[in-house]
Amino acid sequence: MTKKTTHAKDSDVERKLFGALSYISILCIIPLLFKRDNHFVHDHAKQGLGLFVLEVIVGALSKVVGWIPVIGSLTNFAAWALGVFFFIVSIIGIIKVLSDKPYTVPLIGATARRWHV
């Protein structure tokens, strides 16, 4: 009976670990590949992927438009502000995973949940 309890705890720890990885940039790919059968983890991983895609798009736009004198400064500030926002959303996502609570990432979460990844 002790083994079942230990196994359940290991499974819970593993689920939380993979769920937390979902919100750490490109590491969201790991749970997408290895935890497809766990709905909780897969849901967070898809949202983490959506967040990562937004981060890449914002970063690319910032680099492309960043060299234009006035617009570049505004774009760089907006990219910085969005970067802070993405960081905070990632921290909240990790906290929600560790608390076993569902979470919808603002801006992209609902769309990312519909992705067939």
Protein backbone atom coordinates (compact mmCIF):
# COMPACT_ATOMS: atom_id res chain seq x y z
CA MET A 1 0.00 0.00 0.00
CA THR A 2 2.93 2.31 0.61
CA LYS A 3 4.04 1.85 -2.99
CA LYS A 4 0.70 3.08 -4.33
CA THR A 5 0.86 6.17 -2.14
CA THR A 6 4.45 6.84 -3.20
CA HIS A 7 3.56 6.25 -6.85
CA ALA A 8 0.61 8.64 -6.61
CA LYS A 9 2.83 11.31 -5.08
CA ASP A 10 5.49 10.80 -7.75
CA SER A 11 2.80 11.08 -10.42
CA ASP A 12 1.50 14.30 -8.87
CA VAL A 13 5.01 15.74 -8.63
CA GLU A 14 5.72 14.73 -12.23
CA ARG A 15 2.46 16.29 -13.43
CA LYS A 16 3.26 19.55 -11.64
CA LEU A 17 6.84 19.56 -12.95
CA PHE A 18 5.73 19.10 -16.56
CA GLY A 19 2.94 21.62 -16.05
CA ALA A 20 5.40 24.20 -14.73
CA LEU A 21 7.74 23.57 -17.68
CA SER A 22 4.85 24.60 -19.92
CA TYR A 23 5.32 28.23 -18.95
CA ILE A 24 9.10 28.41 -19.33
CA SER A 25 9.60 29.66 -22.89
CA ILE A 26 10.58 26.99 -25.42
CA LEU A 27 10.55 24.30 -22.73
CA CYS A 28 6.78 24.09 -23.34
CA ILE A 29 7.69 21.62 -26.10
CA ILE A 30 8.78 19.00 -23.54
CA PRO A 31 5.33 18.49 -21.99
CA LEU A 32 3.75 18.68 -25.44
CA LEU A 33 5.89 15.74 -26.53
CA PHE A 34 5.92 13.61 -23.39
CA LYS A 35 2.61 14.29 -21.60
CA ARG A 36 0.04 14.20 -24.38
CA ASP A 37 -2.10 11.76 -22.39
CA ASN A 38 -2.45 14.09 -19.38
CA HIS A 39 -5.18 16.64 -20.13
CA PHE A 40 -4.15 19.01 -17.31
CA VAL A 41 -0.51 19.18 -18.45
CA HIS A 42 -1.36 19.24 -22.15
CA ASP A 43 -3.78 22.15 -21.64
CA HIS A 44 -1.12 24.19 -19.85
CA ALA A 45 1.50 23.19 -22.45
CA LYS A 46 -0.66 24.44 -25.33
CA GLN A 47 -1.16 27.75 -23.55
CA GLY A 48 2.57 27.94 -22.82
CA LEU A 49 3.21 27.36 -26.53
CA GLY A 50 0.80 30.17 -27.38
CA LEU A 51 2.60 32.46 -24.96
CA PHE A 52 5.97 31.49 -26.46
CA VAL A 53 4.69 32.19 -30.00
CA LEU A 54 3.53 35.65 -28.87
CA GLU A 55 6.93 36.29 -27.27
CA VAL A 56 8.70 35.39 -30.53
CA ILE A 57 6.37 37.57 -32.62
CA VAL A 58 6.78 40.57 -30.30
CA GLY A 59 10.56 40.09 -30.23
CA ALA A 60 10.78 39.83 -34.02
CA LEU A 61 8.60 42.91 -34.57
CA SER A 62 10.67 44.83 -32.05
CA LYS A 63 13.88 43.96 -33.91
CA VAL A 64 12.45 44.78 -37.34
CA VAL A 65 10.81 48.08 -36.40
CA GLY A 66 13.25 48.97 -33.61
CA TRP A 67 15.71 50.78 -35.87
CA ILE A 68 13.18 53.42 -37.02
CA PRO A 69 13.93 56.57 -34.95
CA VAL A 70 10.62 57.54 -33.29
CA ILE A 71 8.52 54.46 -33.98
CA GLY A 72 11.41 52.26 -32.91
CA SER A 73 11.55 53.79 -29.45
CA LEU A 74 7.82 53.31 -28.98
CA THR A 75 7.99 49.77 -30.31
CA ASN A 76 10.91 48.91 -28.04
CA PHE A 77 9.05 50.27 -25.02
CA ALA A 78 5.92 48.32 -25.98
CA ALA A 79 8.02 45.17 -26.43
CA TRP A 80 9.60 45.71 -23.00
CA ALA A 81 6.16 46.20 -21.39
CA LEU A 82 4.82 43.09 -23.11
CA GLY A 83 7.91 41.18 -21.98
CA VAL A 84 7.14 42.11 -18.38
CA PHE A 85 3.52 41.08 -18.96
CA PHE A 86 4.59 37.72 -20.43
CA PHE A 87 6.90 37.13 -17.45
CA ILE A 88 4.12 37.85 -14.95
CA VAL A 89 1.67 35.64 -16.85
CA SER A 90 4.25 32.83 -16.84
CA ILE A 91 4.76 33.14 -13.08
CA ILE A 92 0.98 33.10 -12.52
CA GLY A 93 0.71 30.03 -14.78
CA ILE A 94 3.39 28.19 -12.81
CA ILE A 95 1.69 29.08 -9.52
CA LYS A 96 -1.66 27.84 -10.86
CA VAL A 97 -0.09 24.56 -12.02
CA LEU A 98 1.56 24.00 -8.65
CA SER A 99 -1.79 24.73 -6.97
CA ASP A 100 -3.63 22.26 -9.26
CA LYS A 101 -5.87 25.00 -10.61
CA PRO A 102 -6.99 25.66 -14.18
CA TYR A 103 -5.76 28.85 -15.80
CA THR A 104 -6.47 30.66 -19.03
CA VAL A 105 -3.59 32.78 -20.29
CA PRO A 106 -4.79 36.28 -21.22
CA LEU A 107 -4.76 37.18 -24.94
CA ILE A 108 -3.90 33.71 -26.28
CA GLY A 109 -5.17 31.04 -23.87
CA ALA A 110 -8.59 30.38 -25.39
CA THR A 111 -7.14 30.22 -28.90
CA ALA A 112 -4.23 28.00 -27.86
CA ARG A 113 -6.59 25.50 -26.24
CA ARG A 114 -8.19 24.88 -29.65
CA TRP A 115 -4.86 24.04 -31.30
CA HIS A 116 -4.39 20.40 -32.25
CA VAL A 117 -0.81 19.97 -31.12
